[in-house]
Amino acid sequence: MIKFRSILLCAAAFATVAVSSPAAFAQGTTEQRSACMGDAFRYCGAEIPNVARITACMKTNFSKLSPACKAVMIKG
């Protein structure tokens, strides 16, 4: 249970990193986490916990991301 929670929190943080690179913004907003968490698990789960690889993965899979996540990433 603790491991799943940790993975969930990491995925939320990593999805946010894909949206914006400054470290101060790494936790992201509620909107960003909500929009991209599922996509981060779906397409980039194997890359957790490597932030650089998750960021690259999210960019590589941009065309597959949900419309909400794409919008957040473009806005970022």
PDB file of N, CA and C in Angstrom:
ATOM      1  N   MET A   1       0.827  -1.191   0.000  1.00  0.00           N
ATOM      2  CA  MET A   1       0.000   0.000   0.000  1.00  0.00           C
ATOM      3  C   MET A   1       0.871   1.254   0.000  1.00  0.00           C
ATOM      4  N   ILE A   2       1.908   1.259   0.831  1.00  0.00           N
ATOM      5  CA  ILE A   2       2.783   2.429   0.893  1.00  0.00           C
ATOM      6  C   ILE A   2       3.520   2.589  -0.423  1.00  0.00           C
ATOM      7  N   LYS A   3       3.965   1.479  -1.025  1.00  0.00           N
ATOM      8  CA  LYS A   3       4.676   1.553  -2.298  1.00  0.00           C
ATOM      9  C   LYS A   3       3.767   2.126  -3.383  1.00  0.00           C
ATOM     10  N   PHE A   4       2.509   1.670  -3.456  1.00  0.00           N
ATOM     11  CA  PHE A   4       1.576   2.185  -4.454  1.00  0.00           C
ATOM     12  C   PHE A   4       1.358   3.682  -4.270  1.00  0.00           C
ATOM     13  N   ARG A   5       1.216   4.104  -3.022  1.00  0.00           N
ATOM     14  CA  ARG A   5       1.014   5.531  -2.739  1.00  0.00           C
ATOM     15  C   ARG A   5       2.237   6.332  -3.182  1.00  0.00           C
ATOM     16  N   SER A   6       3.422   5.822  -2.909  1.00  0.00           N
ATOM     17  CA  SER A   6       4.650   6.497  -3.312  1.00  0.00           C
ATOM     18  C   SER A   6       4.737   6.607  -4.828  1.00  0.00           C
ATOM     19  N   ILE A   7       4.391   5.526  -5.510  1.00  0.00           N
ATOM     20  CA  ILE A   7       4.419   5.541  -6.977  1.00  0.00           C
ATOM     21  C   ILE A   7       3.407   6.553  -7.506  1.00  0.00           C
ATOM     22  N   LEU A   8       2.242   6.590  -6.907  1.00  0.00           N
ATOM     23  CA  LEU A   8       1.214   7.534  -7.327  1.00  0.00           C
ATOM     24  C   LEU A   8       1.680   8.975  -7.153  1.00  0.00           C
ATOM     25  N   LEU A   9       2.287   9.273  -6.021  1.00  0.00           N
ATOM     26  CA  LEU A   9       2.793  10.619  -5.772  1.00  0.00           C
ATOM     27  C   LEU A   9       3.938  10.955  -6.726  1.00  0.00           C
ATOM     28  N   CYS A  10       4.811  10.000  -6.981  1.00  0.00           N
ATOM     29  CA  CYS A  10       5.923  10.222  -7.914  1.00  0.00           C
ATOM     30  C   CYS A  10       5.394  10.484  -9.316  1.00  0.00           C
ATOM     31  N   ALA A  11       4.414   9.712  -9.734  1.00  0.00           N
ATOM     32  CA  ALA A  11       3.861   9.893 -11.075  1.00  0.00           C
ATOM     33  C   ALA A  11       3.252  11.280 -11.225  1.00  0.00           C
ATOM     34  N   ALA A  12       2.579  11.737 -10.199  1.00  0.00           N
ATOM     35  CA  ALA A  12       1.997  13.078 -10.263  1.00  0.00           C
ATOM     36  C   ALA A  12       3.084  14.133 -10.390  1.00  0.00           C
ATOM     37  N   ALA A  13       4.139  13.982  -9.625  1.00  0.00           N
ATOM     38  CA  ALA A  13       5.245  14.940  -9.702  1.00  0.00           C
ATOM     39  C   ALA A  13       5.927  14.874 -11.053  1.00  0.00           C
ATOM     40  N   PHE A  14       6.137  13.673 -11.568  1.00  0.00           N
ATOM     41  CA  PHE A  14       6.835  13.522 -12.842  1.00  0.00           C
ATOM     42  C   PHE A  14       5.996  14.014 -14.009  1.00  0.00           C
ATOM     43  N   ALA A  15       4.702  13.806 -13.942  1.00  0.00           N
ATOM     44  CA  ALA A  15       3.839  14.326 -15.001  1.00  0.00           C
ATOM     45  C   ALA A  15       3.910  15.840 -15.039  1.00  0.00           C
ATOM     46  N   THR A  16       4.015  16.432 -13.886  1.00  0.00           N
ATOM     47  CA  THR A  16       4.125  17.880 -13.805  1.00  0.00           C
ATOM     48  C   THR A  16       5.451  18.365 -14.364  1.00  0.00           C
ATOM     49  N   VAL A  17       6.507  17.586 -14.126  1.00  0.00           N
ATOM     50  CA  VAL A  17       7.816  17.963 -14.657  1.00  0.00           C
ATOM     51  C   VAL A  17       7.762  18.024 -16.176  1.00  0.00           C
ATOM     52  N   ALA A  18       6.985  17.155 -16.777  1.00  0.00           N
ATOM     53  CA  ALA A  18       6.853  17.171 -18.229  1.00  0.00           C
ATOM     54  C   ALA A  18       6.203  18.461 -18.712  1.00  0.00           C
ATOM     55  N   VAL A  19       5.420  19.050 -17.863  1.00  0.00           N
ATOM     56  CA  VAL A  19       4.730  20.284 -18.210  1.00  0.00           C
ATOM     57  C   VAL A  19       5.642  21.496 -18.076  1.00  0.00           C
ATOM     58  N   SER A  20       6.486  21.473 -17.083  1.00  0.00           N
ATOM     59  CA  SER A  20       7.344  22.619 -16.815  1.00  0.00           C
ATOM     60  C   SER A  20       8.648  22.139 -16.203  1.00  0.00           C
ATOM     61  N   SER A  21       9.758  22.674 -16.655  1.00  0.00           N
ATOM     62  CA  SER A  21      11.032  22.182 -16.168  1.00  0.00           C
ATOM     63  C   SER A  21      11.574  22.850 -14.910  1.00  0.00           C
ATOM     64  N   PRO A  22      11.215  24.063 -14.547  1.00  0.00           N
ATOM     65  CA  PRO A  22      11.788  24.640 -13.330  1.00  0.00           C
ATOM     66  C   PRO A  22      11.488  23.788 -12.103  1.00  0.00           C
ATOM     67  N   ALA A  23      12.514  23.552 -11.285  1.00  0.00           N
ATOM     68  CA  ALA A  23      12.365  22.693 -10.112  1.00  0.00           C
ATOM     69  C   ALA A  23      11.328  23.211  -9.128  1.00  0.00           C
ATOM     70  N   ALA A  24      11.209  24.508  -9.000  1.00  0.00           N
ATOM     71  CA  ALA A  24      10.251  25.081  -8.058  1.00  0.00           C
ATOM     72  C   ALA A  24       8.816  24.740  -8.450  1.00  0.00           C
ATOM     73  N   PHE A  25       8.619  24.424  -9.708  1.00  0.00           N
ATOM     74  CA  PHE A  25       7.280  24.130 -10.206  1.00  0.00           C
ATOM     75  C   PHE A  25       7.030  22.626 -10.283  1.00  0.00           C
ATOM     76  N   ALA A  26       7.978  21.823  -9.796  1.00  0.00           N
ATOM     77  CA  ALA A  26       7.934  20.372  -9.989  1.00  0.00           C
ATOM     78  C   ALA A  26       6.695  19.699  -9.420  1.00  0.00           C
ATOM     79  N   GLN A  27       6.088  20.256  -8.396  1.00  0.00           N
ATOM     80  CA  GLN A  27       4.900  19.614  -7.857  1.00  0.00           C
ATOM     81  C   GLN A  27       3.659  19.938  -8.669  1.00  0.00           C
ATOM     82  N   GLY A  28       3.653  21.025  -9.372  1.00  0.00           N
ATOM     83  CA  GLY A  28       2.548  21.363 -10.257  1.00  0.00           C
ATOM     84  C   GLY A  28       1.268  21.740  -9.540  1.00  0.00           C
ATOM     85  N   THR A  29       0.316  22.145 -10.325  1.00  0.00           N
ATOM     86  CA  THR A  29      -0.976  22.525  -9.786  1.00  0.00           C
ATOM     87  C   THR A  29      -1.892  21.307  -9.746  1.00  0.00           C
ATOM     88  N   THR A  30      -2.984  21.439  -9.048  1.00  0.00           N
ATOM     89  CA  THR A  30      -3.968  20.377  -9.005  1.00  0.00           C
ATOM     90  C   THR A  30      -4.461  20.065 -10.406  1.00  0.00           C
ATOM     91  N   GLU A  31      -4.662  21.091 -11.210  1.00  0.00           N
ATOM     92  CA  GLU A  31      -5.122  20.913 -12.593  1.00  0.00           C
ATOM     93  C   GLU A  31      -4.133  20.070 -13.394  1.00  0.00           C
ATOM     94  N   GLN A  32      -2.850  20.370 -13.269  1.00  0.00           N
ATOM     95  CA  GLN A  32      -1.824  19.640 -14.010  1.00  0.00           C
ATOM     96  C   GLN A  32      -1.753  18.178 -13.569  1.00  0.00           C
ATOM     97  N   ARG A  33      -1.776  17.964 -12.273  1.00  0.00           N
ATOM     98  CA  ARG A  33      -1.726  16.588 -11.768  1.00  0.00           C
ATOM     99  C   ARG A  33      -2.951  15.805 -12.225  1.00  0.00           C
ATOM    100  N   SER A  34      -4.103  16.414 -12.119  1.00  0.00           N
ATOM    101  CA  SER A  34      -5.333  15.731 -12.519  1.00  0.00           C
ATOM    102  C   SER A  34      -5.331  15.411 -14.009  1.00  0.00           C
ATOM    103  N   ALA A  35      -4.838  16.320 -14.798  1.00  0.00           N
ATOM    104  CA  ALA A  35      -4.869  16.153 -16.253  1.00  0.00           C
ATOM    105  C   ALA A  35      -3.889  15.096 -16.751  1.00  0.00           C
ATOM    106  N   CYS A  36      -2.755  14.956 -16.109  1.00  0.00           N
ATOM    107  CA  CYS A  36      -1.684  14.115 -16.665  1.00  0.00           C
ATOM    108  C   CYS A  36      -1.339  12.854 -15.885  1.00  0.00           C
ATOM    109  N   MET A  37      -1.865  12.680 -14.703  1.00  0.00           N
ATOM    110  CA  MET A  37      -1.464  11.532 -13.897  1.00  0.00           C
ATOM    111  C   MET A  37      -1.750  10.206 -14.602  1.00  0.00           C
ATOM    112  N   GLY A  38      -2.938  10.062 -15.141  1.00  0.00           N
ATOM    113  CA  GLY A  38      -3.290   8.814 -15.831  1.00  0.00           C
ATOM    114  C   GLY A  38      -2.390   8.548 -17.020  1.00  0.00           C
ATOM    115  N   ASP A  39      -2.092   9.591 -17.780  1.00  0.00           N
ATOM    116  CA  ASP A  39      -1.214   9.438 -18.941  1.00  0.00           C
ATOM    117  C   ASP A  39       0.202   9.074 -18.509  1.00  0.00           C
ATOM    118  N   ALA A  40       0.663   9.661 -17.428  1.00  0.00           N
ATOM    119  CA  ALA A  40       2.007   9.352 -16.936  1.00  0.00           C
ATOM    120  C   ALA A  40       2.106   7.871 -16.574  1.00  0.00           C
ATOM    121  N   PHE A  41       1.099   7.328 -15.892  1.00  0.00           N
ATOM    122  CA  PHE A  41       1.099   5.908 -15.564  1.00  0.00           C
ATOM    123  C   PHE A  41       0.969   5.055 -16.819  1.00  0.00           C
ATOM    124  N   ARG A  42       0.061   5.436 -17.694  1.00  0.00           N
ATOM    125  CA  ARG A  42      -0.245   4.639 -18.888  1.00  0.00           C
ATOM    126  C   ARG A  42       0.942   4.534 -19.833  1.00  0.00           C
ATOM    127  N   TYR A  43       1.562   5.650 -20.135  1.00  0.00           N
ATOM    128  CA  TYR A  43       2.603   5.665 -21.162  1.00  0.00           C
ATOM    129  C   TYR A  43       4.027   5.678 -20.619  1.00  0.00           C
ATOM    130  N   CYS A  44       4.205   6.113 -19.385  1.00  0.00           N
ATOM    131  CA  CYS A  44       5.568   6.319 -18.880  1.00  0.00           C
ATOM    132  C   CYS A  44       5.830   5.657 -17.536  1.00  0.00           C
ATOM    133  N   GLY A  45       4.968   4.773 -17.117  1.00  0.00           N
ATOM    134  CA  GLY A  45       5.124   4.120 -15.822  1.00  0.00           C
ATOM    135  C   GLY A  45       6.453   3.402 -15.667  1.00  0.00           C
ATOM    136  N   ALA A  46       6.954   2.849 -16.744  1.00  0.00           N
ATOM    137  CA  ALA A  46       8.230   2.123 -16.681  1.00  0.00           C
ATOM    138  C   ALA A  46       9.411   3.051 -16.423  1.00  0.00           C
ATOM    139  N   GLU A  47       9.222   4.339 -16.633  1.00  0.00           N
ATOM    140  CA  GLU A  47      10.306   5.306 -16.463  1.00  0.00           C
ATOM    141  C   GLU A  47      10.411   5.845 -15.032  1.00  0.00           C
ATOM    142  N   ILE A  48       9.410   5.572 -14.212  1.00  0.00           N
ATOM    143  CA  ILE A  48       9.419   6.054 -12.833  1.00  0.00           C
ATOM    144  C   ILE A  48      10.540   5.366 -12.078  1.00  0.00           C
ATOM    145  N   PRO A  49      11.387   6.048 -11.366  1.00  0.00           N
ATOM    146  CA  PRO A  49      11.339   7.419 -10.880  1.00  0.00           C
ATOM    147  C   PRO A  49      12.290   8.384 -11.601  1.00  0.00           C
ATOM    148  N   ASN A  50      12.749   8.061 -12.798  1.00  0.00           N
ATOM    149  CA  ASN A  50      13.714   8.899 -13.502  1.00  0.00           C
ATOM    150  C   ASN A  50      13.003  10.088 -14.162  1.00  0.00           C
ATOM    151  N   VAL A  51      13.157  11.265 -13.581  1.00  0.00           N
ATOM    152  CA  VAL A  51      12.445  12.463 -14.041  1.00  0.00           C
ATOM    153  C   VAL A  51      12.763  12.786 -15.500  1.00  0.00           C
ATOM    154  N   ALA A  52      14.027  12.732 -15.865  1.00  0.00           N
ATOM    155  CA  ALA A  52      14.415  13.063 -17.237  1.00  0.00           C
ATOM    156  C   ALA A  52      13.779  12.095 -18.237  1.00  0.00           C
ATOM    157  N   ARG A  53      13.744  10.820 -17.891  1.00  0.00           N
ATOM    158  CA  ARG A  53      13.156   9.834 -18.805  1.00  0.00           C
ATOM    159  C   ARG A  53      11.645   9.960 -18.886  1.00  0.00           C
ATOM    160  N   ILE A  54      11.013  10.308 -17.785  1.00  0.00           N
ATOM    161  CA  ILE A  54       9.559  10.516 -17.810  1.00  0.00           C
ATOM    162  C   ILE A  54       9.231  11.730 -18.661  1.00  0.00           C
ATOM    163  N   THR A  55       9.999  12.789 -18.501  1.00  0.00           N
ATOM    164  CA  THR A  55       9.784  13.998 -19.296  1.00  0.00           C
ATOM    165  C   THR A  55       9.917  13.675 -20.774  1.00  0.00           C
ATOM    166  N   ALA A  56      10.961  12.978 -21.137  1.00  0.00           N
ATOM    167  CA  ALA A  56      11.176  12.594 -22.536  1.00  0.00           C
ATOM    168  C   ALA A  56      10.040  11.699 -23.029  1.00  0.00           C
ATOM    169  N   CYS A  57       9.612  10.772 -22.193  1.00  0.00           N
ATOM    170  CA  CYS A  57       8.529   9.863 -22.552  1.00  0.00           C
ATOM    171  C   CYS A  57       7.226  10.612 -22.807  1.00  0.00           C
ATOM    172  N   MET A  58       6.901  11.557 -21.946  1.00  0.00           N
ATOM    173  CA  MET A  58       5.668  12.331 -22.127  1.00  0.00           C
ATOM    174  C   MET A  58       5.725  13.130 -23.425  1.00  0.00           C
ATOM    175  N   LYS A  59       6.879  13.678 -23.731  1.00  0.00           N
ATOM    176  CA  LYS A  59       7.030  14.427 -24.980  1.00  0.00           C
ATOM    177  C   LYS A  59       6.933  13.500 -26.183  1.00  0.00           C
ATOM    178  N   THR A  60       7.560  12.331 -26.088  1.00  0.00           N
ATOM    179  CA  THR A  60       7.513  11.361 -27.179  1.00  0.00           C
ATOM    180  C   THR A  60       6.087  10.885 -27.432  1.00  0.00           C
ATOM    181  N   ASN A  61       5.326  10.732 -26.379  1.00  0.00           N
ATOM    182  CA  ASN A  61       3.960  10.226 -26.486  1.00  0.00           C
ATOM    183  C   ASN A  61       2.908  11.328 -26.539  1.00  0.00           C
ATOM    184  N   PHE A  62       3.323  12.535 -26.840  1.00  0.00           N
ATOM    185  CA  PHE A  62       2.412  13.677 -26.823  1.00  0.00           C
ATOM    186  C   PHE A  62       1.145  13.408 -27.637  1.00  0.00           C
ATOM    187  N   SER A  63       1.289  12.806 -28.806  1.00  0.00           N
ATOM    188  CA  SER A  63       0.123  12.566 -29.664  1.00  0.00           C
ATOM    189  C   SER A  63      -0.877  11.595 -29.035  1.00  0.00           C
ATOM    190  N   LYS A  64      -0.434  10.771 -28.088  1.00  0.00           N
ATOM    191  CA  LYS A  64      -1.302   9.795 -27.427  1.00  0.00           C
ATOM    192  C   LYS A  64      -1.944  10.337 -26.155  1.00  0.00           C
ATOM    193  N   LEU A  65      -1.463  11.463 -25.654  1.00  0.00           N
ATOM    194  CA  LEU A  65      -1.948  11.994 -24.387  1.00  0.00           C
ATOM    195  C   LEU A  65      -3.400  12.435 -24.490  1.00  0.00           C
ATOM    196  N   SER A  66      -4.056  12.445 -23.369  1.00  0.00           N
ATOM    197  CA  SER A  66      -5.439  12.898 -23.311  1.00  0.00           C
ATOM    198  C   SER A  66      -5.502  14.385 -23.681  1.00  0.00           C
ATOM    199  N   PRO A  67      -6.621  14.832 -24.207  1.00  0.00           N
ATOM    200  CA  PRO A  67      -6.754  16.249 -24.568  1.00  0.00           C
ATOM    201  C   PRO A  67      -6.461  17.184 -23.387  1.00  0.00           C
ATOM    202  N   ALA A  68      -6.882  16.809 -22.192  1.00  0.00           N
ATOM    203  CA  ALA A  68      -6.657  17.650 -21.017  1.00  0.00           C
ATOM    204  C   ALA A  68      -5.154  17.770 -20.707  1.00  0.00           C
ATOM    205  N   CYS A  69      -4.437  16.663 -20.794  1.00  0.00           N
ATOM    206  CA  CYS A  69      -2.994  16.690 -20.525  1.00  0.00           C
ATOM    207  C   CYS A  69      -2.260  17.485 -21.605  1.00  0.00           C
ATOM    208  N   LYS A  70      -2.657  17.292 -22.854  1.00  0.00           N
ATOM    209  CA  LYS A  70      -2.043  18.063 -23.937  1.00  0.00           C
ATOM    210  C   LYS A  70      -2.212  19.560 -23.695  1.00  0.00           C
ATOM    211  N   ALA A  71      -3.410  19.952 -23.311  1.00  0.00           N
ATOM    212  CA  ALA A  71      -3.694  21.366 -23.068  1.00  0.00           C
ATOM    213  C   ALA A  71      -2.808  21.918 -21.946  1.00  0.00           C
ATOM    214  N   VAL A  72      -2.664  21.140 -20.891  1.00  0.00           N
ATOM    215  CA  VAL A  72      -1.840  21.575 -19.765  1.00  0.00           C
ATOM    216  C   VAL A  72      -0.377  21.670 -20.189  1.00  0.00           C
ATOM    217  N   MET A  73       0.087  20.713 -20.968  1.00  0.00           N
ATOM    218  CA  MET A  73       1.482  20.725 -21.413  1.00  0.00           C
ATOM    219  C   MET A  73       1.755  21.905 -22.332  1.00  0.00           C
ATOM    220  N   ILE A  74       0.833  22.207 -23.204  1.00  0.00           N
ATOM    221  CA  ILE A  74       1.004  23.345 -24.118  1.00  0.00           C
ATOM    222  C   ILE A  74       0.999  24.648 -23.337  1.00  0.00           C
ATOM    223  N   LYS A  75       0.095  24.728 -22.346  1.00  0.00           N
ATOM    224  CA  LYS A  75       0.002  25.933 -21.518  1.00  0.00           C
ATOM    225  C   LYS A  75       1.246  26.163 -20.693  1.00  0.00           C
ATOM    226  N   GLY A  76       1.853  25.042 -20.219  1.00  0.00           N
ATOM    227  CA  GLY A  76       2.969  25.077 -19.297  1.00  0.00           C
ATOM    228  C   GLY A  76       4.084  25.943 -19.727  1.00  0.00           C
TER     229      GLY A  76
END
